[in-house]
Amino acid sequence: MSKKQNNAINRREEIILAAIEVFAQEGYYRASTMKVAEKANISQPYIFRFFSSKEILLEEALKVSWSRINDSFLQVIQSATAEDLEKELISAYSQIMRNNENEILLQMQAQTIREENIIKVMQEGFLEIQSTVLNAFKSKGILNPSEQTLLFIARGMLCNISFSLQLPQLMDIDD
């Protein structure tokens, strides 16, 4: 790969990271490519060398966020025992929430965007996570893997709500 190609890939990634932050903080409809360009320290027209529209930029930002979660889960699955699998998946997701707050906020906002392409990206992301977790639960011999997957994803969504609303007590469990 040439240095020019490598620089273009890096610049594209920088734009996506800037978009994640701007979209998460401003909301998709209020955010502009000008704000993304300012965050990435580039000119607005330069964004359009990589992304033909703001919607395509959002799609790519969402794909990055979903990939981060799935890749993290796949790493956990490789080494976790059946007894520790769910706990380690939760720990991995908690770390993503701490280190990539804007990605979680972006995904939550994207659930309300009714653009067909955005809905498709969100569906694909959820289905990939569901498949990854379900296959892991099955391969590790977890009882009722479908139900456990549903509960795991539901808890993850509650974690997102608790996190975004700064209501940790939503996650409290009587011991």
N, C-alpha and C. Protein backbone atom coordinates (compact mmCIF):
# COMPACT_ATOMS: atom_id res chain seq x y z
N MET A 1 0.84 -1.17 0.00
CA MET A 1 0.00 0.00 0.00
C MET A 1 0.90 1.25 0.00
N SER A 2 0.59 2.17 -0.86
CA SER A 2 1.40 3.38 -0.95
C SER A 2 1.12 4.31 0.23
N LYS A 3 2.04 5.23 0.42
CA LYS A 3 1.88 6.20 1.50
C LYS A 3 0.63 7.05 1.28
N LYS A 4 0.35 7.39 0.03
CA LYS A 4 -0.83 8.19 -0.31
C LYS A 4 -2.11 7.42 0.04
N GLN A 5 -2.15 6.13 -0.29
CA GLN A 5 -3.32 5.31 0.04
C GLN A 5 -3.48 5.18 1.55
N ASN A 6 -2.37 5.00 2.25
CA ASN A 6 -2.40 4.89 3.70
C ASN A 6 -2.90 6.18 4.33
N ASN A 7 -2.45 7.31 3.81
CA ASN A 7 -2.91 8.61 4.32
C ASN A 7 -4.40 8.79 4.08
N ALA A 8 -4.89 8.35 2.93
CA ALA A 8 -6.32 8.46 2.62
C ALA A 8 -7.15 7.60 3.57
N ILE A 9 -6.65 6.41 3.86
CA ILE A 9 -7.36 5.52 4.80
C ILE A 9 -7.39 6.16 6.18
N ASN A 10 -6.25 6.69 6.61
CA ASN A 10 -6.20 7.35 7.92
C ASN A 10 -7.13 8.56 7.97
N ARG A 11 -7.14 9.35 6.91
CA ARG A 11 -8.00 10.54 6.88
C ARG A 11 -9.48 10.13 6.91
N ARG A 12 -9.81 9.07 6.18
CA ARG A 12 -11.19 8.57 6.19
C ARG A 12 -11.60 8.16 7.60
N GLU A 13 -10.72 7.44 8.30
CA GLU A 13 -11.00 7.03 9.67
C GLU A 13 -11.14 8.23 10.60
N GLU A 14 -10.31 9.24 10.40
CA GLU A 14 -10.41 10.46 11.22
C GLU A 14 -11.75 11.15 11.01
N ILE A 15 -12.20 11.18 9.77
CA ILE A 15 -13.50 11.79 9.47
C ILE A 15 -14.61 11.02 10.16
N ILE A 16 -14.56 9.69 10.10
CA ILE A 16 -15.59 8.86 10.75
C ILE A 16 -15.58 9.10 12.25
N LEU A 17 -14.42 9.14 12.87
CA LEU A 17 -14.35 9.39 14.32
C LEU A 17 -14.90 10.77 14.68
N ALA A 18 -14.60 11.76 13.86
CA ALA A 18 -15.15 13.10 14.09
C ALA A 18 -16.66 13.08 13.93
N ALA A 19 -17.15 12.36 12.92
CA ALA A 19 -18.59 12.28 12.70
C ALA A 19 -19.29 11.60 13.86
N ILE A 20 -18.70 10.54 14.39
CA ILE A 20 -19.29 9.86 15.54
C ILE A 20 -19.49 10.85 16.68
N GLU A 21 -18.46 11.63 16.96
CA GLU A 21 -18.55 12.59 18.06
C GLU A 21 -19.59 13.68 17.77
N VAL A 22 -19.56 14.24 16.58
CA VAL A 22 -20.49 15.32 16.24
C VAL A 22 -21.92 14.80 16.22
N PHE A 23 -22.16 13.67 15.56
CA PHE A 23 -23.52 13.13 15.50
C PHE A 23 -24.04 12.78 16.89
N ALA A 24 -23.19 12.19 17.71
CA ALA A 24 -23.61 11.80 19.06
C ALA A 24 -23.95 13.01 19.91
N GLN A 25 -23.16 14.06 19.80
CA GLN A 25 -23.35 15.24 20.65
C GLN A 25 -24.42 16.19 20.11
N GLU A 26 -24.52 16.31 18.79
CA GLU A 26 -25.45 17.26 18.19
C GLU A 26 -26.77 16.61 17.77
N GLY A 27 -26.74 15.32 17.55
CA GLY A 27 -27.88 14.65 16.93
C GLY A 27 -27.70 14.70 15.42
N TYR A 28 -28.11 13.67 14.75
CA TYR A 28 -27.89 13.56 13.31
C TYR A 28 -28.49 14.74 12.54
N TYR A 29 -29.72 15.10 12.85
CA TYR A 29 -30.39 16.13 12.06
C TYR A 29 -29.82 17.52 12.30
N ARG A 30 -29.31 17.80 13.49
CA ARG A 30 -28.70 19.10 13.77
C ARG A 30 -27.24 19.17 13.34
N ALA A 31 -26.61 18.04 13.29
CA ALA A 31 -25.19 18.00 12.91
C ALA A 31 -25.05 18.34 11.43
N SER A 32 -23.93 18.95 11.11
CA SER A 32 -23.66 19.27 9.71
C SER A 32 -22.28 18.73 9.34
N THR A 33 -22.09 18.56 8.04
CA THR A 33 -20.77 18.13 7.59
C THR A 33 -19.74 19.22 7.88
N MET A 34 -20.17 20.46 7.98
CA MET A 34 -19.25 21.55 8.34
C MET A 34 -18.72 21.33 9.76
N LYS A 35 -19.60 20.94 10.69
CA LYS A 35 -19.15 20.66 12.06
C LYS A 35 -18.22 19.45 12.10
N VAL A 36 -18.51 18.46 11.29
CA VAL A 36 -17.64 17.29 11.22
C VAL A 36 -16.27 17.71 10.68
N ALA A 37 -16.27 18.52 9.65
CA ALA A 37 -15.02 19.00 9.06
C ALA A 37 -14.21 19.79 10.09
N GLU A 38 -14.88 20.65 10.84
CA GLU A 38 -14.19 21.43 11.88
C GLU A 38 -13.56 20.49 12.92
N LYS A 39 -14.31 19.48 13.34
CA LYS A 39 -13.81 18.53 14.34
C LYS A 39 -12.61 17.76 13.79
N ALA A 40 -12.63 17.44 12.51
CA ALA A 40 -11.54 16.67 11.89
C ALA A 40 -10.41 17.57 11.38
N ASN A 41 -10.57 18.88 11.54
CA ASN A 41 -9.56 19.85 11.07
C ASN A 41 -9.29 19.74 9.57
N ILE A 42 -10.38 19.66 8.82
CA ILE A 42 -10.27 19.61 7.36
C ILE A 42 -11.33 20.54 6.78
N SER A 43 -11.31 20.70 5.47
CA SER A 43 -12.34 21.50 4.82
C SER A 43 -13.57 20.64 4.58
N GLN A 44 -14.72 21.28 4.55
CA GLN A 44 -15.96 20.54 4.33
C GLN A 44 -15.96 19.79 2.99
N PRO A 45 -15.51 20.40 1.89
CA PRO A 45 -15.51 19.65 0.63
C PRO A 45 -14.66 18.38 0.67
N TYR A 46 -13.65 18.36 1.53
CA TYR A 46 -12.79 17.19 1.62
C TYR A 46 -13.57 15.98 2.13
N ILE A 47 -14.56 16.19 2.96
CA ILE A 47 -15.41 15.09 3.44
C ILE A 47 -16.06 14.38 2.25
N PHE A 48 -16.48 15.17 1.27
CA PHE A 48 -17.22 14.59 0.14
C PHE A 48 -16.31 13.84 -0.83
N ARG A 49 -15.01 13.90 -0.64
CA ARG A 49 -14.10 13.04 -1.40
C ARG A 49 -14.26 11.60 -0.94
N PHE A 50 -14.68 11.42 0.32
CA PHE A 50 -14.80 10.08 0.91
C PHE A 50 -16.25 9.61 1.05
N PHE A 51 -17.15 10.56 1.28
CA PHE A 51 -18.55 10.23 1.56
C PHE A 51 -19.43 11.14 0.72
N SER A 52 -20.31 10.55 -0.07
CA SER A 52 -21.12 11.35 -0.98
C SER A 52 -22.25 12.11 -0.29
N SER A 53 -22.57 11.73 0.94
CA SER A 53 -23.63 12.43 1.66
C SER A 53 -23.44 12.27 3.17
N LYS A 54 -24.14 13.10 3.91
CA LYS A 54 -24.11 12.99 5.38
C LYS A 54 -24.69 11.65 5.82
N GLU A 55 -25.71 11.17 5.12
CA GLU A 55 -26.32 9.89 5.48
C GLU A 55 -25.34 8.73 5.30
N ILE A 56 -24.55 8.76 4.24
CA ILE A 56 -23.56 7.70 4.03
C ILE A 56 -22.48 7.78 5.11
N LEU A 57 -22.12 8.98 5.52
CA LEU A 57 -21.16 9.15 6.61
C LEU A 57 -21.72 8.55 7.89
N LEU A 58 -23.00 8.78 8.16
CA LEU A 58 -23.64 8.19 9.34
C LEU A 58 -23.63 6.67 9.25
N GLU A 59 -23.95 6.13 8.08
CA GLU A 59 -23.94 4.67 7.91
C GLU A 59 -22.57 4.10 8.27
N GLU A 60 -21.52 4.73 7.77
CA GLU A 60 -20.16 4.25 8.03
C GLU A 60 -19.81 4.38 9.51
N ALA A 61 -20.23 5.47 10.13
CA ALA A 61 -19.98 5.65 11.56
C ALA A 61 -20.67 4.56 12.37
N LEU A 62 -21.88 4.23 12.01
CA LEU A 62 -22.61 3.16 12.70
C LEU A 62 -21.94 1.80 12.48
N LYS A 63 -21.49 1.55 11.28
CA LYS A 63 -20.80 0.28 11.00
C LYS A 63 -19.54 0.14 11.86
N VAL A 64 -18.82 1.24 12.02
CA VAL A 64 -17.62 1.21 12.87
C VAL A 64 -18.01 0.86 14.31
N SER A 65 -19.08 1.48 14.80
CA SER A 65 -19.48 1.23 16.19
C SER A 65 -19.95 -0.21 16.38
N TRP A 66 -20.68 -0.75 15.43
CA TRP A 66 -21.13 -2.14 15.54
C TRP A 66 -19.94 -3.10 15.44
N SER A 67 -19.00 -2.79 14.55
CA SER A 67 -17.82 -3.65 14.41
C SER A 67 -17.01 -3.70 15.70
N ARG A 68 -16.90 -2.56 16.37
CA ARG A 68 -16.13 -2.52 17.62
C ARG A 68 -16.75 -3.48 18.65
N ILE A 69 -18.06 -3.46 18.75
CA ILE A 69 -18.73 -4.34 19.72
C ILE A 69 -18.55 -5.80 19.32
N ASN A 70 -18.81 -6.11 18.07
CA ASN A 70 -18.72 -7.51 17.64
C ASN A 70 -17.29 -8.03 17.76
N ASP A 71 -16.32 -7.23 17.34
CA ASP A 71 -14.92 -7.66 17.44
C ASP A 71 -14.53 -7.92 18.90
N SER A 72 -15.00 -7.06 19.77
CA SER A 72 -14.70 -7.22 21.20
C SER A 72 -15.33 -8.51 21.74
N PHE A 73 -16.57 -8.77 21.35
CA PHE A 73 -17.24 -9.99 21.78
C PHE A 73 -16.52 -11.23 21.24
N LEU A 74 -16.10 -11.19 19.99
CA LEU A 74 -15.41 -12.34 19.41
C LEU A 74 -14.11 -12.63 20.15
N GLN A 75 -13.41 -11.60 20.58
CA GLN A 75 -12.18 -11.81 21.36
C GLN A 75 -12.49 -12.49 22.69
N VAL A 76 -13.55 -12.05 23.35
CA VAL A 76 -13.94 -12.64 24.63
C VAL A 76 -14.31 -14.10 24.44
N ILE A 77 -15.07 -14.39 23.41
CA ILE A 77 -15.58 -15.74 23.17
C ILE A 77 -14.44 -16.74 22.98
N GLN A 78 -13.36 -16.30 22.37
CA GLN A 78 -12.23 -17.19 22.12
C GLN A 78 -11.63 -17.75 23.41
N SER A 79 -11.63 -16.94 24.46
CA SER A 79 -10.92 -17.38 25.66
C SER A 79 -11.82 -17.66 26.87
N ALA A 80 -13.05 -17.24 26.83
CA ALA A 80 -13.93 -17.37 28.00
C ALA A 80 -14.44 -18.80 28.17
N THR A 81 -14.56 -19.19 29.41
CA THR A 81 -15.20 -20.47 29.73
C THR A 81 -16.71 -20.26 29.73
N ALA A 82 -17.44 -21.35 29.71
CA ALA A 82 -18.90 -21.26 29.74
C ALA A 82 -19.36 -20.52 30.99
N GLU A 83 -18.69 -20.79 32.12
CA GLU A 83 -19.09 -20.18 33.40
C GLU A 83 -18.86 -18.67 33.41
N ASP A 84 -17.86 -18.21 32.69
CA ASP A 84 -17.50 -16.79 32.73
C ASP A 84 -17.94 -16.02 31.48
N LEU A 85 -18.49 -16.69 30.50
CA LEU A 85 -18.77 -16.06 29.22
C LEU A 85 -19.63 -14.81 29.35
N GLU A 86 -20.79 -14.93 29.95
CA GLU A 86 -21.69 -13.77 30.03
C GLU A 86 -21.04 -12.63 30.81
N LYS A 87 -20.41 -12.97 31.93
CA LYS A 87 -19.76 -11.94 32.75
C LYS A 87 -18.67 -11.22 31.94
N GLU A 88 -17.90 -11.96 31.17
CA GLU A 88 -16.82 -11.35 30.38
C GLU A 88 -17.37 -10.54 29.20
N LEU A 89 -18.48 -10.99 28.61
CA LEU A 89 -19.12 -10.20 27.55
C LEU A 89 -19.63 -8.87 28.12
N ILE A 90 -20.24 -8.94 29.30
CA ILE A 90 -20.73 -7.72 29.96
C ILE A 90 -19.56 -6.79 30.27
N SER A 91 -18.48 -7.34 30.74
CA SER A 91 -17.30 -6.54 31.05
C SER A 91 -16.75 -5.87 29.78
N ALA A 92 -16.70 -6.61 28.69
CA ALA A 92 -16.22 -6.05 27.42
C ALA A 92 -17.13 -4.92 26.96
N TYR A 93 -18.43 -5.12 27.08
CA TYR A 93 -19.37 -4.07 26.66
C TYR A 93 -19.27 -2.85 27.58
N SER A 94 -19.10 -3.08 28.86
CA SER A 94 -18.92 -1.97 29.80
C SER A 94 -17.69 -1.15 29.44
N GLN A 95 -16.64 -1.82 29.04
CA GLN A 95 -15.42 -1.12 28.64
C GLN A 95 -15.67 -0.29 27.38
N ILE A 96 -16.40 -0.84 26.44
CA ILE A 96 -16.75 -0.08 25.23
C ILE A 96 -17.56 1.15 25.61
N MET A 97 -18.51 0.99 26.52
CA MET A 97 -19.33 2.13 26.95
C MET A 97 -18.47 3.22 27.58
N ARG A 98 -17.48 2.83 28.35
CA ARG A 98 -16.59 3.82 28.99
C ARG A 98 -15.67 4.49 27.98
N ASN A 99 -15.10 3.68 27.09
CA ASN A 99 -14.08 4.19 26.16
C ASN A 99 -14.64 4.77 24.87
N ASN A 100 -15.87 4.43 24.54
CA ASN A 100 -16.47 4.85 23.27
C ASN A 100 -17.90 5.33 23.49
N GLU A 101 -18.04 6.19 24.45
CA GLU A 101 -19.35 6.71 24.85
C GLU A 101 -20.15 7.23 23.65
N ASN A 102 -19.49 7.98 22.78
CA ASN A 102 -20.21 8.58 21.65
C ASN A 102 -20.77 7.54 20.70
N GLU A 103 -20.10 6.42 20.57
CA GLU A 103 -20.61 5.38 19.68
C GLU A 103 -21.92 4.80 20.22
N ILE A 104 -21.99 4.62 21.52
CA ILE A 104 -23.22 4.10 22.12
C ILE A 104 -24.35 5.12 21.97
N LEU A 105 -24.04 6.38 22.24
CA LEU A 105 -25.05 7.43 22.08
C LEU A 105 -25.51 7.52 20.62
N LEU A 106 -24.58 7.38 19.70
CA LEU A 106 -24.92 7.42 18.27
C LEU A 106 -25.87 6.28 17.91
N GLN A 107 -25.57 5.08 18.38
CA GLN A 107 -26.45 3.95 18.08
C GLN A 107 -27.85 4.17 18.65
N MET A 108 -27.89 4.70 19.85
CA MET A 108 -29.20 4.93 20.46
C MET A 108 -30.01 5.94 19.65
N GLN A 109 -29.36 7.00 19.21
CA GLN A 109 -30.06 7.99 18.39
C GLN A 109 -30.48 7.40 17.05
N ALA A 110 -29.63 6.58 16.48
CA ALA A 110 -29.91 6.01 15.16
C ALA A 110 -31.15 5.13 15.16
N GLN A 111 -31.50 4.59 16.32
CA GLN A 111 -32.71 3.77 16.40
C GLN A 111 -33.97 4.56 16.11
N THR A 112 -33.89 5.87 16.19
CA THR A 112 -35.06 6.71 15.94
C THR A 112 -35.07 7.33 14.54
N ILE A 113 -34.02 7.11 13.77
CA ILE A 113 -33.93 7.67 12.42
C ILE A 113 -34.65 6.74 11.46
N ARG A 114 -35.58 7.26 10.74
CA ARG A 114 -36.44 6.43 9.90
C ARG A 114 -35.97 6.35 8.45
N GLU A 115 -34.73 6.69 8.18
CA GLU A 115 -34.18 6.55 6.83
C GLU A 115 -33.91 5.07 6.57
N GLU A 116 -34.35 4.59 5.42
CA GLU A 116 -34.27 3.16 5.11
C GLU A 116 -32.85 2.60 5.25
N ASN A 117 -31.84 3.32 4.77
CA ASN A 117 -30.46 2.83 4.84
C ASN A 117 -29.96 2.76 6.28
N ILE A 118 -30.38 3.70 7.10
CA ILE A 118 -29.96 3.71 8.51
C ILE A 118 -30.62 2.55 9.25
N ILE A 119 -31.90 2.35 8.98
CA ILE A 119 -32.62 1.21 9.59
C ILE A 119 -31.91 -0.09 9.21
N LYS A 120 -31.51 -0.22 7.96
CA LYS A 120 -30.84 -1.44 7.50
C LYS A 120 -29.51 -1.65 8.24
N VAL A 121 -28.73 -0.60 8.39
CA VAL A 121 -27.45 -0.73 9.10
C VAL A 121 -27.69 -1.13 10.55
N MET A 122 -28.68 -0.53 11.18
CA MET A 122 -28.99 -0.87 12.57
C MET A 122 -29.48 -2.31 12.68
N GLN A 123 -30.33 -2.73 11.76
CA GLN A 123 -30.79 -4.12 11.78
C GLN A 123 -29.62 -5.09 11.63
N GLU A 124 -28.75 -4.81 10.67
CA GLU A 124 -27.59 -5.67 10.45
C GLU A 124 -26.69 -5.73 11.68
N GLY A 125 -26.50 -4.58 12.33
CA GLY A 125 -25.67 -4.54 13.53
C GLY A 125 -26.24 -5.38 14.65
N PHE A 126 -27.53 -5.18 14.92
CA PHE A 126 -28.18 -5.96 15.98
C PHE A 126 -28.16 -7.45 15.66
N LEU A 127 -28.46 -7.79 14.41
CA LEU A 127 -28.50 -9.21 14.03
C LEU A 127 -27.13 -9.86 14.12
N GLU A 128 -26.08 -9.11 13.79
CA GLU A 128 -24.73 -9.67 13.90
C GLU A 128 -24.38 -9.93 15.36
N ILE A 129 -24.71 -8.98 16.23
CA ILE A 129 -24.45 -9.18 17.67
C ILE A 129 -25.27 -10.35 18.19
N GLN A 130 -26.53 -10.41 17.81
CA GLN A 130 -27.39 -11.50 18.25
C GLN A 130 -26.80 -12.85 17.80
N SER A 131 -26.38 -12.93 16.57
CA SER A 131 -25.81 -14.16 16.03
C SER A 131 -24.52 -14.54 16.76
N THR A 132 -23.66 -13.55 16.98
CA THR A 132 -22.40 -13.81 17.67
C THR A 132 -22.64 -14.34 19.07
N VAL A 133 -23.53 -13.70 19.81
CA VAL A 133 -23.81 -14.11 21.19
C VAL A 133 -24.51 -15.47 21.21
N LEU A 134 -25.51 -15.64 20.36
CA LEU A 134 -26.24 -16.92 20.31
C LEU A 134 -25.29 -18.07 19.97
N ASN A 135 -24.46 -17.89 18.96
CA ASN A 135 -23.52 -18.96 18.59
C ASN A 135 -22.54 -19.25 19.72
N ALA A 136 -22.12 -18.21 20.42
CA ALA A 136 -21.21 -18.42 21.56
C ALA A 136 -21.90 -19.19 22.67
N PHE A 137 -23.12 -18.79 23.00
CA PHE A 137 -23.85 -19.49 24.05
C PHE A 137 -24.08 -20.95 23.67
N LYS A 138 -24.41 -21.20 22.41
CA LYS A 138 -24.61 -22.57 21.95
C LYS A 138 -23.31 -23.36 22.03
N SER A 139 -22.22 -22.78 21.53
CA SER A 139 -20.95 -23.51 21.48
C SER A 139 -20.38 -23.78 22.87
N LYS A 140 -20.75 -22.95 23.84
CA LYS A 140 -20.25 -23.14 25.21
C LYS A 140 -21.21 -23.99 26.05
N GLY A 141 -22.31 -24.43 25.43
CA GLY A 141 -23.24 -25.30 26.13
C GLY A 141 -24.14 -24.59 27.13
N ILE A 142 -24.38 -23.31 26.94
CA ILE A 142 -25.27 -22.56 27.83
C ILE A 142 -26.70 -23.06 27.63
N LEU A 143 -27.39 -23.32 28.73
CA LEU A 143 -28.78 -23.77 28.65
C LEU A 143 -29.67 -22.66 28.10
N ASN A 144 -30.65 -23.03 27.32
CA ASN A 144 -31.59 -22.08 26.73
C ASN A 144 -30.86 -20.92 26.04
N PRO A 145 -30.02 -21.22 25.07
CA PRO A 145 -29.19 -20.17 24.47
C PRO A 145 -29.98 -19.04 23.81
N SER A 146 -31.11 -19.35 23.20
CA SER A 146 -31.92 -18.29 22.56
C SER A 146 -32.47 -17.33 23.60
N GLU A 147 -33.01 -17.89 24.68
CA GLU A 147 -33.55 -17.04 25.75
C GLU A 147 -32.44 -16.24 26.43
N GLN A 148 -31.30 -16.87 26.65
CA GLN A 148 -30.18 -16.18 27.29
C GLN A 148 -29.66 -15.05 26.40
N THR A 149 -29.68 -15.27 25.09
CA THR A 149 -29.27 -14.23 24.14
C THR A 149 -30.23 -13.06 24.19
N LEU A 150 -31.51 -13.35 24.20
CA LEU A 150 -32.53 -12.30 24.29
C LEU A 150 -32.34 -11.48 25.57
N LEU A 151 -32.14 -12.16 26.69
CA LEU A 151 -31.95 -11.46 27.96
C LEU A 151 -30.66 -10.65 27.97
N PHE A 152 -29.61 -11.18 27.36
CA PHE A 152 -28.34 -10.47 27.29
C PHE A 152 -28.50 -9.17 26.50
N ILE A 153 -29.15 -9.25 25.35
CA ILE A 153 -29.35 -8.05 24.52
C ILE A 153 -30.28 -7.07 25.21
N ALA A 154 -31.32 -7.57 25.85
CA ALA A 154 -32.24 -6.68 26.58
C ALA A 154 -31.51 -5.95 27.70
N ARG A 155 -30.66 -6.66 28.42
CA ARG A 155 -29.87 -6.00 29.48
C ARG A 155 -28.92 -4.97 28.88
N GLY A 156 -28.37 -5.28 27.73
CA GLY A 156 -27.50 -4.32 27.06
C GLY A 156 -28.24 -3.05 26.70
N MET A 157 -29.47 -3.19 26.23
CA MET A 157 -30.26 -2.01 25.90
C MET A 157 -30.59 -1.21 27.16
N LEU A 158 -30.88 -1.90 28.25
CA LEU A 158 -31.13 -1.21 29.52
C LEU A 158 -29.86 -0.51 30.00
N CYS A 159 -28.72 -1.14 29.79
CA CYS A 159 -27.43 -0.50 30.12
C CYS A 159 -27.30 0.81 29.34
N ASN A 160 -27.63 0.78 28.07
CA ASN A 160 -27.54 1.98 27.24
C ASN A 160 -28.44 3.10 27.76
N ILE A 161 -29.65 2.74 28.12
CA ILE A 161 -30.59 3.74 28.65
C ILE A 161 -30.08 4.28 29.98
N SER A 162 -29.66 3.40 30.85
CA SER A 162 -29.12 3.80 32.15
C SER A 162 -27.93 4.74 31.97
N PHE A 163 -27.06 4.38 31.05
CA PHE A 163 -25.87 5.17 30.76
C PHE A 163 -26.23 6.55 30.20
N SER A 164 -27.06 6.58 29.17
CA SER A 164 -27.36 7.85 28.51
C SER A 164 -28.15 8.80 29.40
N LEU A 165 -28.98 8.27 30.27
CA LEU A 165 -29.78 9.11 31.16
C LEU A 165 -29.09 9.35 32.51
N GLN A 166 -27.91 8.78 32.66
CA GLN A 166 -27.16 8.89 33.91
C GLN A 166 -28.02 8.45 35.10
N LEU A 167 -28.61 7.25 34.93
CA LEU A 167 -29.44 6.63 35.95
C LEU A 167 -28.91 5.22 36.27
N PRO A 168 -27.78 5.14 36.94
CA PRO A 168 -27.23 3.80 37.22
C PRO A 168 -28.15 2.93 38.04
N GLN A 169 -29.05 3.54 38.80
CA GLN A 169 -29.95 2.75 39.63
C GLN A 169 -30.89 1.88 38.79
N LEU A 170 -31.03 2.17 37.49
CA LEU A 170 -31.82 1.28 36.63
C LEU A 170 -31.22 -0.12 36.56
N MET A 171 -29.91 -0.20 36.83
CA MET A 171 -29.21 -1.46 36.74
C MET A 171 -29.06 -2.16 38.09
N ASP A 172 -29.58 -1.56 39.17
CA ASP A 172 -29.47 -2.16 40.48
C ASP A 172 -30.26 -3.46 40.56
N ILE A 173 -29.64 -4.44 41.19
CA ILE A 173 -30.29 -5.74 41.40
C ILE A 173 -30.19 -6.04 42.88
N ASP A 174 -31.31 -6.46 43.46
CA ASP A 174 -31.30 -6.86 44.88
C ASP A 174 -30.45 -8.10 45.03
N ASP A 175 -29.56 -8.09 46.01
CA ASP A 175 -28.70 -9.26 46.24
C ASP A 175 -29.22 -10.09 47.39
